[in-house]
Amino acid sequence: MDRKLHLRLVSNKDRIEIPWIICHICDCEIIDTEPYFDVKLEIISGKTRVLDHTKTLPQIEEDIAILTDELENKTSKELEEEVRLERRFCVCPECRKKVLKMLDCE
């Protein structure tokens, strides 16, 4: 997960370190003992490109040349993310409410 995980020195005397996390939305600190939420975003392509079989051979060859040019100008990561994109975020309780409201899930 892409959580921003840090260690914070709580006491110099006892040298106690408590892990803490940063909310990906508001950047507030969340101590690992406090509640937080993992938000998983997954976007999957709903349509794939298919060659039209009603086209003539020269038209199909032109389509293939255009697709090849598009592929050459993109990185493998860009191509992969056009088909499937996944991200994970760590959010505090207040930002969870904002996310739910934005998605009309509240």
PDB file of N, CA and C in Angstrom:
ATOM      1  N   MET A   1       0.844  -1.178   0.000  1.00  0.00           N
ATOM      2  CA  MET A   1       0.000   0.000   0.000  1.00  0.00           C
ATOM      3  C   MET A   1       0.883   1.232   0.000  1.00  0.00           C
ATOM      4  N   ASP A   2       0.384   2.321  -0.534  1.00  0.00           N
ATOM      5  CA  ASP A   2       1.138   3.548  -0.642  1.00  0.00           C
ATOM      6  C   ASP A   2       0.979   4.448   0.563  1.00  0.00           C
ATOM      7  N   ARG A   3       0.677   3.876   1.706  1.00  0.00           N
ATOM      8  CA  ARG A   3       0.503   4.702   2.905  1.00  0.00           C
ATOM      9  C   ARG A   3       1.778   5.454   3.210  1.00  0.00           C
ATOM     10  N   LYS A   4       1.607   6.671   3.654  1.00  0.00           N
ATOM     11  CA  LYS A   4       2.754   7.440   4.121  1.00  0.00           C
ATOM     12  C   LYS A   4       2.957   7.069   5.582  1.00  0.00           C
ATOM     13  N   LEU A   5       3.845   6.166   5.839  1.00  0.00           N
ATOM     14  CA  LEU A   5       4.070   5.672   7.193  1.00  0.00           C
ATOM     15  C   LEU A   5       5.352   6.284   7.737  1.00  0.00           C
ATOM     16  N   HIS A   6       5.266   6.836   8.926  1.00  0.00           N
ATOM     17  CA  HIS A   6       6.404   7.497   9.556  1.00  0.00           C
ATOM     18  C   HIS A   6       6.512   7.025  11.005  1.00  0.00           C
ATOM     19  N   LEU A   7       7.646   7.251  11.583  1.00  0.00           N
ATOM     20  CA  LEU A   7       7.808   7.009  13.018  1.00  0.00           C
ATOM     21  C   LEU A   7       8.016   8.344  13.691  1.00  0.00           C
ATOM     22  N   ARG A   8       7.315   8.557  14.774  1.00  0.00           N
ATOM     23  CA  ARG A   8       7.435   9.815  15.496  1.00  0.00           C
ATOM     24  C   ARG A   8       7.947   9.512  16.897  1.00  0.00           C
ATOM     25  N   LEU A   9       8.932  10.242  17.319  1.00  0.00           N
ATOM     26  CA  LEU A   9       9.479  10.094  18.661  1.00  0.00           C
ATOM     27  C   LEU A   9       8.552  10.809  19.636  1.00  0.00           C
ATOM     28  N   VAL A  10       7.936  10.044  20.521  1.00  0.00           N
ATOM     29  CA  VAL A  10       6.965  10.611  21.443  1.00  0.00           C
ATOM     30  C   VAL A  10       7.633  11.123  22.713  1.00  0.00           C
ATOM     31  N   SER A  11       8.618  10.404  23.191  1.00  0.00           N
ATOM     32  CA  SER A  11       9.263  10.811  24.427  1.00  0.00           C
ATOM     33  C   SER A  11      10.768  10.592  24.313  1.00  0.00           C
ATOM     34  N   ASN A  12      11.555  11.629  24.550  1.00  0.00           N
ATOM     35  CA  ASN A  12      13.006  11.480  24.536  1.00  0.00           C
ATOM     36  C   ASN A  12      13.486  10.623  25.700  1.00  0.00           C
ATOM     37  N   LYS A  13      12.793  10.727  26.807  1.00  0.00           N
ATOM     38  CA  LYS A  13      13.198  10.006  28.013  1.00  0.00           C
ATOM     39  C   LYS A  13      13.091   8.490  27.820  1.00  0.00           C
ATOM     40  N   ASP A  14      11.960   8.027  27.330  1.00  0.00           N
ATOM     41  CA  ASP A  14      11.742   6.595  27.196  1.00  0.00           C
ATOM     42  C   ASP A  14      12.070   6.065  25.807  1.00  0.00           C
ATOM     43  N   ARG A  15      12.321   6.965  24.873  1.00  0.00           N
ATOM     44  CA  ARG A  15      12.623   6.592  23.488  1.00  0.00           C
ATOM     45  C   ARG A  15      11.524   5.695  22.904  1.00  0.00           C
ATOM     46  N   ILE A  16      10.298   6.092  23.093  1.00  0.00           N
ATOM     47  CA  ILE A  16       9.154   5.355  22.553  1.00  0.00           C
ATOM     48  C   ILE A  16       8.837   5.914  21.170  1.00  0.00           C
ATOM     49  N   GLU A  17       8.752   5.041  20.207  1.00  0.00           N
ATOM     50  CA  GLU A  17       8.387   5.456  18.861  1.00  0.00           C
ATOM     51  C   GLU A  17       7.018   4.880  18.516  1.00  0.00           C
ATOM     52  N   ILE A  18       6.135   5.739  18.088  1.00  0.00           N
ATOM     53  CA  ILE A  18       4.793   5.316  17.703  1.00  0.00           C
ATOM     54  C   ILE A  18       4.649   5.540  16.206  1.00  0.00           C
ATOM     55  N   PRO A  19       4.260   4.502  15.469  1.00  0.00           N
ATOM     56  CA  PRO A  19       4.058   4.709  14.027  1.00  0.00           C
ATOM     57  C   PRO A  19       2.851   5.609  13.789  1.00  0.00           C
ATOM     58  N   TRP A  20       2.948   6.436  12.785  1.00  0.00           N
ATOM     59  CA  TRP A  20       1.826   7.295  12.430  1.00  0.00           C
ATOM     60  C   TRP A  20       1.723   7.368  10.928  1.00  0.00           C
ATOM     61  N   ILE A  21       0.549   7.746  10.492  1.00  0.00           N
ATOM     62  CA  ILE A  21       0.215   7.755   9.081  1.00  0.00           C
ATOM     63  C   ILE A  21      -0.278   9.147   8.720  1.00  0.00           C
ATOM     64  N   ILE A  22      -0.082   9.547   7.481  1.00  0.00           N
ATOM     65  CA  ILE A  22      -0.574  10.830   6.995  1.00  0.00           C
ATOM     66  C   ILE A  22      -1.802  10.573   6.115  1.00  0.00           C
ATOM     67  N   CYS A  23      -2.880  11.281   6.365  1.00  0.00           N
ATOM     68  CA  CYS A  23      -4.080  11.187   5.528  1.00  0.00           C
ATOM     69  C   CYS A  23      -3.722  11.695   4.129  1.00  0.00           C
ATOM     70  N   HIS A  24      -4.074  10.927   3.111  1.00  0.00           N
ATOM     71  CA  HIS A  24      -3.755  11.306   1.742  1.00  0.00           C
ATOM     72  C   HIS A  24      -4.561  12.510   1.243  1.00  0.00           C
ATOM     73  N   ILE A  25      -5.617  12.876   1.948  1.00  0.00           N
ATOM     74  CA  ILE A  25      -6.448  13.990   1.494  1.00  0.00           C
ATOM     75  C   ILE A  25      -6.100  15.279   2.229  1.00  0.00           C
ATOM     76  N   CYS A  26      -6.141  15.250   3.551  1.00  0.00           N
ATOM     77  CA  CYS A  26      -5.931  16.495   4.305  1.00  0.00           C
ATOM     78  C   CYS A  26      -4.538  16.599   4.924  1.00  0.00           C
ATOM     79  N   ASP A  27      -3.733  15.564   4.806  1.00  0.00           N
ATOM     80  CA  ASP A  27      -2.362  15.534   5.343  1.00  0.00           C
ATOM     81  C   ASP A  27      -2.280  15.598   6.862  1.00  0.00           C
ATOM     82  N   CYS A  28      -3.379  15.287   7.542  1.00  0.00           N
ATOM     83  CA  CYS A  28      -3.304  15.267   9.010  1.00  0.00           C
ATOM     84  C   CYS A  28      -2.587  13.989   9.459  1.00  0.00           C
ATOM     85  N   GLU A  29      -2.011  14.059  10.639  1.00  0.00           N
ATOM     86  CA  GLU A  29      -1.315  12.901  11.206  1.00  0.00           C
ATOM     87  C   GLU A  29      -2.325  11.978  11.879  1.00  0.00           C
ATOM     88  N   ILE A  30      -2.186  10.689  11.614  1.00  0.00           N
ATOM     89  CA  ILE A  30      -3.044   9.692  12.250  1.00  0.00           C
ATOM     90  C   ILE A  30      -2.118   8.724  12.984  1.00  0.00           C
ATOM     91  N   ILE A  31      -2.191   8.719  14.292  1.00  0.00           N
ATOM     92  CA  ILE A  31      -1.395   7.767  15.063  1.00  0.00           C
ATOM     93  C   ILE A  31      -1.975   6.386  14.803  1.00  0.00           C
ATOM     94  N   ASP A  32      -1.115   5.397  14.705  1.00  0.00           N
ATOM     95  CA  ASP A  32      -1.541   4.051  14.321  1.00  0.00           C
ATOM     96  C   ASP A  32      -2.587   3.460  15.263  1.00  0.00           C
ATOM     97  N   THR A  33      -2.708   4.010  16.465  1.00  0.00           N
ATOM     98  CA  THR A  33      -3.716   3.504  17.401  1.00  0.00           C
ATOM     99  C   THR A  33      -5.076   4.158  17.171  1.00  0.00           C
ATOM    100  N   GLU A  34      -5.126   5.203  16.340  1.00  0.00           N
ATOM    101  CA  GLU A  34      -6.376   5.888  16.029  1.00  0.00           C
ATOM    102  C   GLU A  34      -7.018   5.244  14.802  1.00  0.00           C
ATOM    103  N   PRO A  35      -8.332   5.414  14.647  1.00  0.00           N
ATOM    104  CA  PRO A  35      -8.974   4.831  13.466  1.00  0.00           C
ATOM    105  C   PRO A  35      -8.583   5.565  12.189  1.00  0.00           C
ATOM    106  N   TYR A  36      -8.404   4.807  11.132  1.00  0.00           N
ATOM    107  CA  TYR A  36      -8.187   5.358   9.798  1.00  0.00           C
ATOM    108  C   TYR A  36      -8.784   4.373   8.807  1.00  0.00           C
ATOM    109  N   PHE A  37      -8.882   4.774   7.567  1.00  0.00           N
ATOM    110  CA  PHE A  37      -9.554   3.956   6.568  1.00  0.00           C
ATOM    111  C   PHE A  37      -8.694   3.826   5.325  1.00  0.00           C
ATOM    112  N   ASP A  38      -8.655   2.623   4.784  1.00  0.00           N
ATOM    113  CA  ASP A  38      -7.995   2.376   3.508  1.00  0.00           C
ATOM    114  C   ASP A  38      -9.053   2.489   2.421  1.00  0.00           C
ATOM    115  N   VAL A  39      -8.817   3.369   1.469  1.00  0.00           N
ATOM    116  CA  VAL A  39      -9.729   3.546   0.344  1.00  0.00           C
ATOM    117  C   VAL A  39      -9.046   2.952  -0.879  1.00  0.00           C
ATOM    118  N   LYS A  40      -9.735   2.027  -1.535  1.00  0.00           N
ATOM    119  CA  LYS A  40      -9.187   1.393  -2.724  1.00  0.00           C
ATOM    120  C   LYS A  40      -9.979   1.880  -3.933  1.00  0.00           C
ATOM    121  N   LEU A  41      -9.270   2.440  -4.885  1.00  0.00           N
ATOM    122  CA  LEU A  41      -9.878   2.932  -6.115  1.00  0.00           C
ATOM    123  C   LEU A  41      -9.440   2.002  -7.234  1.00  0.00           C
ATOM    124  N   GLU A  42     -10.400   1.444  -7.944  1.00  0.00           N
ATOM    125  CA  GLU A  42     -10.087   0.546  -9.062  1.00  0.00           C
ATOM    126  C   GLU A  42     -10.936   0.968 -10.256  1.00  0.00           C
ATOM    127  N   ILE A  43     -10.260   1.312 -11.337  1.00  0.00           N
ATOM    128  CA  ILE A  43     -10.944   1.724 -12.553  1.00  0.00           C
ATOM    129  C   ILE A  43     -10.547   0.745 -13.648  1.00  0.00           C
ATOM    130  N   ILE A  44     -11.558   0.077 -14.211  1.00  0.00           N
ATOM    131  CA  ILE A  44     -11.312  -0.941 -15.229  1.00  0.00           C
ATOM    132  C   ILE A  44     -12.003  -0.511 -16.516  1.00  0.00           C
ATOM    133  N   SER A  45     -11.305  -0.645 -17.623  1.00  0.00           N
ATOM    134  CA  SER A  45     -11.862  -0.272 -18.915  1.00  0.00           C
ATOM    135  C   SER A  45     -13.100  -1.107 -19.220  1.00  0.00           C
ATOM    136  N   GLY A  46     -14.137  -0.446 -19.686  1.00  0.00           N
ATOM    137  CA  GLY A  46     -15.366  -1.141 -20.022  1.00  0.00           C
ATOM    138  C   GLY A  46     -15.474  -1.452 -21.499  1.00  0.00           C
ATOM    139  N   LYS A  47     -14.542  -0.959 -22.288  1.00  0.00           N
ATOM    140  CA  LYS A  47     -14.612  -1.155 -23.731  1.00  0.00           C
ATOM    141  C   LYS A  47     -13.219  -1.471 -24.261  1.00  0.00           C
ATOM    142  N   THR A  48     -13.151  -2.426 -25.119  1.00  0.00           N
ATOM    143  CA  THR A  48     -11.881  -2.754 -25.759  1.00  0.00           C
ATOM    144  C   THR A  48     -11.946  -2.375 -27.225  1.00  0.00           C
ATOM    145  N   ARG A  49     -10.814  -2.122 -27.794  1.00  0.00           N
ATOM    146  CA  ARG A  49     -10.757  -1.782 -29.216  1.00  0.00           C
ATOM    147  C   ARG A  49     -10.832  -3.065 -30.035  1.00  0.00           C
ATOM    148  N   VAL A  50     -11.708  -3.060 -31.009  1.00  0.00           N
ATOM    149  CA  VAL A  50     -11.861  -4.213 -31.892  1.00  0.00           C
ATOM    150  C   VAL A  50     -11.810  -3.704 -33.324  1.00  0.00           C
ATOM    151  N   LEU A  51     -11.105  -4.443 -34.163  1.00  0.00           N
ATOM    152  CA  LEU A  51     -11.071  -4.063 -35.568  1.00  0.00           C
ATOM    153  C   LEU A  51     -12.422  -4.321 -36.209  1.00  0.00           C
ATOM    154  N   ASP A  52     -12.842  -3.410 -37.034  1.00  0.00           N
ATOM    155  CA  ASP A  52     -14.116  -3.536 -37.747  1.00  0.00           C
ATOM    156  C   ASP A  52     -13.895  -4.430 -38.964  1.00  0.00           C
ATOM    157  N   HIS A  53     -14.537  -5.586 -38.975  1.00  0.00           N
ATOM    158  CA  HIS A  53     -14.330  -6.557 -40.049  1.00  0.00           C
ATOM    159  C   HIS A  53     -15.041  -6.190 -41.339  1.00  0.00           C
ATOM    160  N   THR A  54     -15.808  -5.108 -41.318  1.00  0.00           N
ATOM    161  CA  THR A  54     -16.479  -4.667 -42.546  1.00  0.00           C
ATOM    162  C   THR A  54     -15.582  -3.750 -43.367  1.00  0.00           C
ATOM    163  N   LYS A  55     -14.440  -3.379 -42.811  1.00  0.00           N
ATOM    164  CA  LYS A  55     -13.525  -2.484 -43.523  1.00  0.00           C
ATOM    165  C   LYS A  55     -12.706  -3.261 -44.543  1.00  0.00           C
ATOM    166  N   THR A  56     -12.193  -2.527 -45.489  1.00  0.00           N
ATOM    167  CA  THR A  56     -11.325  -3.137 -46.507  1.00  0.00           C
ATOM    168  C   THR A  56      -9.935  -3.339 -45.922  1.00  0.00           C
ATOM    169  N   LEU A  57      -9.130  -4.146 -46.571  1.00  0.00           N
ATOM    170  CA  LEU A  57      -7.779  -4.431 -46.088  1.00  0.00           C
ATOM    171  C   LEU A  57      -6.947  -3.157 -45.943  1.00  0.00           C
ATOM    172  N   PRO A  58      -6.958  -2.224 -46.910  1.00  0.00           N
ATOM    173  CA  PRO A  58      -6.186  -0.983 -46.724  1.00  0.00           C
ATOM    174  C   PRO A  58      -6.658  -0.158 -45.512  1.00  0.00           C
ATOM    175  N   GLN A  59      -7.969  -0.152 -45.258  1.00  0.00           N
ATOM    176  CA  GLN A  59      -8.497   0.573 -44.086  1.00  0.00           C
ATOM    177  C   GLN A  59      -8.037  -0.088 -42.786  1.00  0.00           C
ATOM    178  N   ILE A  60      -8.057  -1.423 -42.770  1.00  0.00           N
ATOM    179  CA  ILE A  60      -7.601  -2.156 -41.579  1.00  0.00           C
ATOM    180  C   ILE A  60      -6.116  -1.912 -41.345  1.00  0.00           C
ATOM    181  N   GLU A  61      -5.326  -1.936 -42.416  1.00  0.00           N
ATOM    182  CA  GLU A  61      -3.884  -1.675 -42.289  1.00  0.00           C
ATOM    183  C   GLU A  61      -3.631  -0.264 -41.766  1.00  0.00           C
ATOM    184  N   GLU A  62      -4.442   0.684 -42.203  1.00  0.00           N
ATOM    185  CA  GLU A  62      -4.311   2.068 -41.713  1.00  0.00           C
ATOM    186  C   GLU A  62      -4.648   2.138 -40.221  1.00  0.00           C
ATOM    187  N   ASP A  63      -5.724   1.454 -39.804  1.00  0.00           N
ATOM    188  CA  ASP A  63      -6.096   1.406 -38.385  1.00  0.00           C
ATOM    189  C   ASP A  63      -4.976   0.807 -37.544  1.00  0.00           C
ATOM    190  N   ILE A  64      -4.375  -0.267 -38.042  1.00  0.00           N
ATOM    191  CA  ILE A  64      -3.275  -0.924 -37.319  1.00  0.00           C
ATOM    192  C   ILE A  64      -2.079   0.017 -37.213  1.00  0.00           C
ATOM    193  N   ALA A  65      -1.791   0.754 -38.266  1.00  0.00           N
ATOM    194  CA  ALA A  65      -0.671   1.711 -38.228  1.00  0.00           C
ATOM    195  C   ALA A  65      -0.924   2.806 -37.201  1.00  0.00           C
ATOM    196  N   ILE A  66      -2.167   3.288 -37.129  1.00  0.00           N
ATOM    197  CA  ILE A  66      -2.512   4.324 -36.146  1.00  0.00           C
ATOM    198  C   ILE A  66      -2.364   3.777 -34.729  1.00  0.00           C
ATOM    199  N   LEU A  67      -2.882   2.551 -34.491  1.00  0.00           N
ATOM    200  CA  LEU A  67      -2.763   1.932 -33.167  1.00  0.00           C
ATOM    201  C   LEU A  67      -1.304   1.703 -32.793  1.00  0.00           C
ATOM    202  N   THR A  68      -0.506   1.279 -33.745  1.00  0.00           N
ATOM    203  CA  THR A  68       0.920   1.039 -33.495  1.00  0.00           C
ATOM    204  C   THR A  68       1.618   2.340 -33.110  1.00  0.00           C
ATOM    205  N   ASP A  69       1.295   3.423 -33.809  1.00  0.00           N
ATOM    206  CA  ASP A  69       1.878   4.731 -33.466  1.00  0.00           C
ATOM    207  C   ASP A  69       1.502   5.143 -32.046  1.00  0.00           C
ATOM    208  N   GLU A  70       0.225   4.925 -31.691  1.00  0.00           N
ATOM    209  CA  GLU A  70      -0.227   5.264 -30.334  1.00  0.00           C
ATOM    210  C   GLU A  70       0.525   4.446 -29.289  1.00  0.00           C
ATOM    211  N   LEU A  71       0.738   3.166 -29.566  1.00  0.00           N
ATOM    212  CA  LEU A  71       1.435   2.296 -28.619  1.00  0.00           C
ATOM    213  C   LEU A  71       2.887   2.707 -28.446  1.00  0.00           C
ATOM    214  N   GLU A  72       3.525   3.106 -29.534  1.00  0.00           N
ATOM    215  CA  GLU A  72       4.937   3.476 -29.475  1.00  0.00           C
ATOM    216  C   GLU A  72       5.169   4.757 -28.668  1.00  0.00           C
ATOM    217  N   ASN A  73       4.172   5.602 -28.593  1.00  0.00           N
ATOM    218  CA  ASN A  73       4.322   6.881 -27.900  1.00  0.00           C
ATOM    219  C   ASN A  73       3.929   6.822 -26.430  1.00  0.00           C
ATOM    220  N   LYS A  74       3.612   5.632 -25.941  1.00  0.00           N
ATOM    221  CA  LYS A  74       3.190   5.491 -24.546  1.00  0.00           C
ATOM    222  C   LYS A  74       4.084   4.491 -23.827  1.00  0.00           C
ATOM    223  N   THR A  75       4.243   4.721 -22.531  1.00  0.00           N
ATOM    224  CA  THR A  75       5.006   3.772 -21.721  1.00  0.00           C
ATOM    225  C   THR A  75       4.121   2.569 -21.390  1.00  0.00           C
ATOM    226  N   SER A  76       4.744   1.505 -20.947  1.00  0.00           N
ATOM    227  CA  SER A  76       3.970   0.316 -20.581  1.00  0.00           C
ATOM    228  C   SER A  76       3.024   0.633 -19.419  1.00  0.00           C
ATOM    229  N   LYS A  77       3.460   1.495 -18.505  1.00  0.00           N
ATOM    230  CA  LYS A  77       2.598   1.876 -17.382  1.00  0.00           C
ATOM    231  C   LYS A  77       1.365   2.640 -17.876  1.00  0.00           C
ATOM    232  N   GLU A  78       1.555   3.561 -18.820  1.00  0.00           N
ATOM    233  CA  GLU A  78       0.426   4.305 -19.373  1.00  0.00           C
ATOM    234  C   GLU A  78      -0.563   3.373 -20.062  1.00  0.00           C
ATOM    235  N   LEU A  79      -0.042   2.414 -20.814  1.00  0.00           N
ATOM    236  CA  LEU A  79      -0.919   1.464 -21.503  1.00  0.00           C
ATOM    237  C   LEU A  79      -1.693   0.609 -20.506  1.00  0.00           C
ATOM    238  N   GLU A  80      -1.004   0.154 -19.476  1.00  0.00           N
ATOM    239  CA  GLU A  80      -1.656  -0.661 -18.457  1.00  0.00           C
ATOM    240  C   GLU A  80      -2.753   0.126 -17.743  1.00  0.00           C
ATOM    241  N   GLU A  81      -2.481   1.389 -17.422  1.00  0.00           N
ATOM    242  CA  GLU A  81      -3.443   2.211 -16.693  1.00  0.00           C
ATOM    243  C   GLU A  81      -4.644   2.601 -17.552  1.00  0.00           C
ATOM    244  N   GLU A  82      -4.531   2.520 -18.876  1.00  0.00           N
ATOM    245  CA  GLU A  82      -5.689   2.758 -19.732  1.00  0.00           C
ATOM    246  C   GLU A  82      -6.695   1.613 -19.607  1.00  0.00           C
ATOM    247  N   VAL A  83      -6.204   0.440 -19.270  1.00  0.00           N
ATOM    248  CA  VAL A  83      -7.064  -0.738 -19.153  1.00  0.00           C
ATOM    249  C   VAL A  83      -7.500  -0.951 -17.707  1.00  0.00           C
ATOM    250  N   ARG A  84      -6.557  -0.807 -16.778  1.00  0.00           N
ATOM    251  CA  ARG A  84      -6.865  -1.029 -15.366  1.00  0.00           C
ATOM    252  C   ARG A  84      -5.970  -0.140 -14.517  1.00  0.00           C
ATOM    253  N   LEU A  85      -6.602   0.614 -13.636  1.00  0.00           N
ATOM    254  CA  LEU A  85      -5.876   1.518 -12.740  1.00  0.00           C
ATOM    255  C   LEU A  85      -6.313   1.217 -11.318  1.00  0.00           C
ATOM    256  N   GLU A  86      -5.346   1.034 -10.443  1.00  0.00           N
ATOM    257  CA  GLU A  86      -5.663   0.777  -9.036  1.00  0.00           C
ATOM    258  C   GLU A  86      -4.821   1.687  -8.161  1.00  0.00           C
ATOM    259  N   ARG A  87      -5.475   2.320  -7.213  1.00  0.00           N
ATOM    260  CA  ARG A  87      -4.793   3.166  -6.235  1.00  0.00           C
ATOM    261  C   ARG A  87      -5.367   2.878  -4.860  1.00  0.00           C
ATOM    262  N   ARG A  88      -4.541   3.037  -3.844  1.00  0.00           N
ATOM    263  CA  ARG A  88      -4.998   2.891  -2.461  1.00  0.00           C
ATOM    264  C   ARG A  88      -4.605   4.140  -1.701  1.00  0.00           C
ATOM    265  N   PHE A  89      -5.515   4.580  -0.853  1.00  0.00           N
ATOM    266  CA  PHE A  89      -5.304   5.788  -0.076  1.00  0.00           C
ATOM    267  C   PHE A  89      -5.643   5.511   1.382  1.00  0.00           C
ATOM    268  N   CYS A  90      -4.958   6.189   2.242  1.00  0.00           N
ATOM    269  CA  CYS A  90      -5.242   6.118   3.668  1.00  0.00           C
ATOM    270  C   CYS A  90      -5.886   7.441   4.054  1.00  0.00           C
ATOM    271  N   VAL A  91      -7.072   7.372   4.685  1.00  0.00           N
ATOM    272  CA  VAL A  91      -7.766   8.603   5.033  1.00  0.00           C
ATOM    273  C   VAL A  91      -8.207   8.593   6.495  1.00  0.00           C
ATOM    274  N   CYS A  92      -8.322   9.776   7.046  1.00  0.00           N
ATOM    275  CA  CYS A  92      -8.798   9.945   8.417  1.00  0.00           C
ATOM    276  C   CYS A  92     -10.331   9.828   8.427  1.00  0.00           C
ATOM    277  N   PRO A  93     -10.942   9.704   9.599  1.00  0.00           N
ATOM    278  CA  PRO A  93     -12.403   9.590   9.663  1.00  0.00           C
ATOM    279  C   PRO A  93     -13.152  10.762   9.011  1.00  0.00           C
ATOM    280  N   GLU A  94     -12.648  11.979   9.170  1.00  0.00           N
ATOM    281  CA  GLU A  94     -13.327  13.135   8.565  1.00  0.00           C
ATOM    282  C   GLU A  94     -13.268  13.087   7.037  1.00  0.00           C
ATOM    283  N   CYS A  95     -12.128  12.711   6.509  1.00  0.00           N
ATOM    284  CA  CYS A  95     -12.003  12.637   5.044  1.00  0.00           C
ATOM    285  C   CYS A  95     -12.786  11.451   4.482  1.00  0.00           C
ATOM    286  N   ARG A  96     -12.956  10.413   5.271  1.00  0.00           N
ATOM    287  CA  ARG A  96     -13.803   9.296   4.849  1.00  0.00           C
ATOM    288  C   ARG A  96     -15.225   9.800   4.585  1.00  0.00           C
ATOM    289  N   LYS A  97     -15.712  10.652   5.483  1.00  0.00           N
ATOM    290  CA  LYS A  97     -17.041  11.232   5.305  1.00  0.00           C
ATOM    291  C   LYS A  97     -17.112  12.049   4.014  1.00  0.00           C
ATOM    292  N   LYS A  98     -16.045  12.809   3.731  1.00  0.00           N
ATOM    293  CA  LYS A  98     -16.003  13.610   2.510  1.00  0.00           C
ATOM    294  C   LYS A  98     -16.035  12.729   1.261  1.00  0.00           C
ATOM    295  N   VAL A  99     -15.270  11.628   1.305  1.00  0.00           N
ATOM    296  CA  VAL A  99     -15.227  10.706   0.165  1.00  0.00           C
ATOM    297  C   VAL A  99     -16.605  10.084  -0.055  1.00  0.00           C
ATOM    298  N   LEU A 100     -17.246   9.639   1.026  1.00  0.00           N
ATOM    299  CA  LEU A 100     -18.565   9.041   0.900  1.00  0.00           C
ATOM    300  C   LEU A 100     -19.585  10.038   0.364  1.00  0.00           C
ATOM    301  N   LYS A 101     -19.487  11.286   0.821  1.00  0.00           N
ATOM    302  CA  LYS A 101     -20.413  12.308   0.352  1.00  0.00           C
ATOM    303  C   LYS A 101     -20.177  12.597  -1.127  1.00  0.00           C
ATOM    304  N   MET A 102     -18.900  12.680  -1.535  1.00  0.00           N
ATOM    305  CA  MET A 102     -18.567  12.947  -2.931  1.00  0.00           C
ATOM    306  C   MET A 102     -19.092  11.825  -3.833  1.00  0.00           C
ATOM    307  N   LEU A 103     -19.033  10.584  -3.343  1.00  0.00           N
ATOM    308  CA  LEU A 103     -19.502   9.436  -4.124  1.00  0.00           C
ATOM    309  C   LEU A 103     -20.986   9.184  -3.944  1.00  0.00           C
ATOM    310  N   ASP A 104     -21.640  10.057  -3.178  1.00  0.00           N
ATOM    311  CA  ASP A 104     -23.064   9.959  -2.901  1.00  0.00           C
ATOM    312  C   ASP A 104     -23.406   8.623  -2.245  1.00  0.00           C
ATOM    313  N   CYS A 105     -22.578   8.209  -1.295  1.00  0.00           N
ATOM    314  CA  CYS A 105     -22.778   6.944  -0.582  1.00  0.00           C
ATOM    315  C   CYS A 105     -23.259   7.156   0.844  1.00  0.00           C
ATOM    316  N   GLU A 106     -23.419   8.362   1.250  1.00  0.00           N
ATOM    317  CA  GLU A 106     -23.774   8.663   2.631  1.00  0.00           C
ATOM    318  C   GLU A 106     -25.256   8.689   2.829  1.00  0.00           C
TER     319      GLU A 106
END
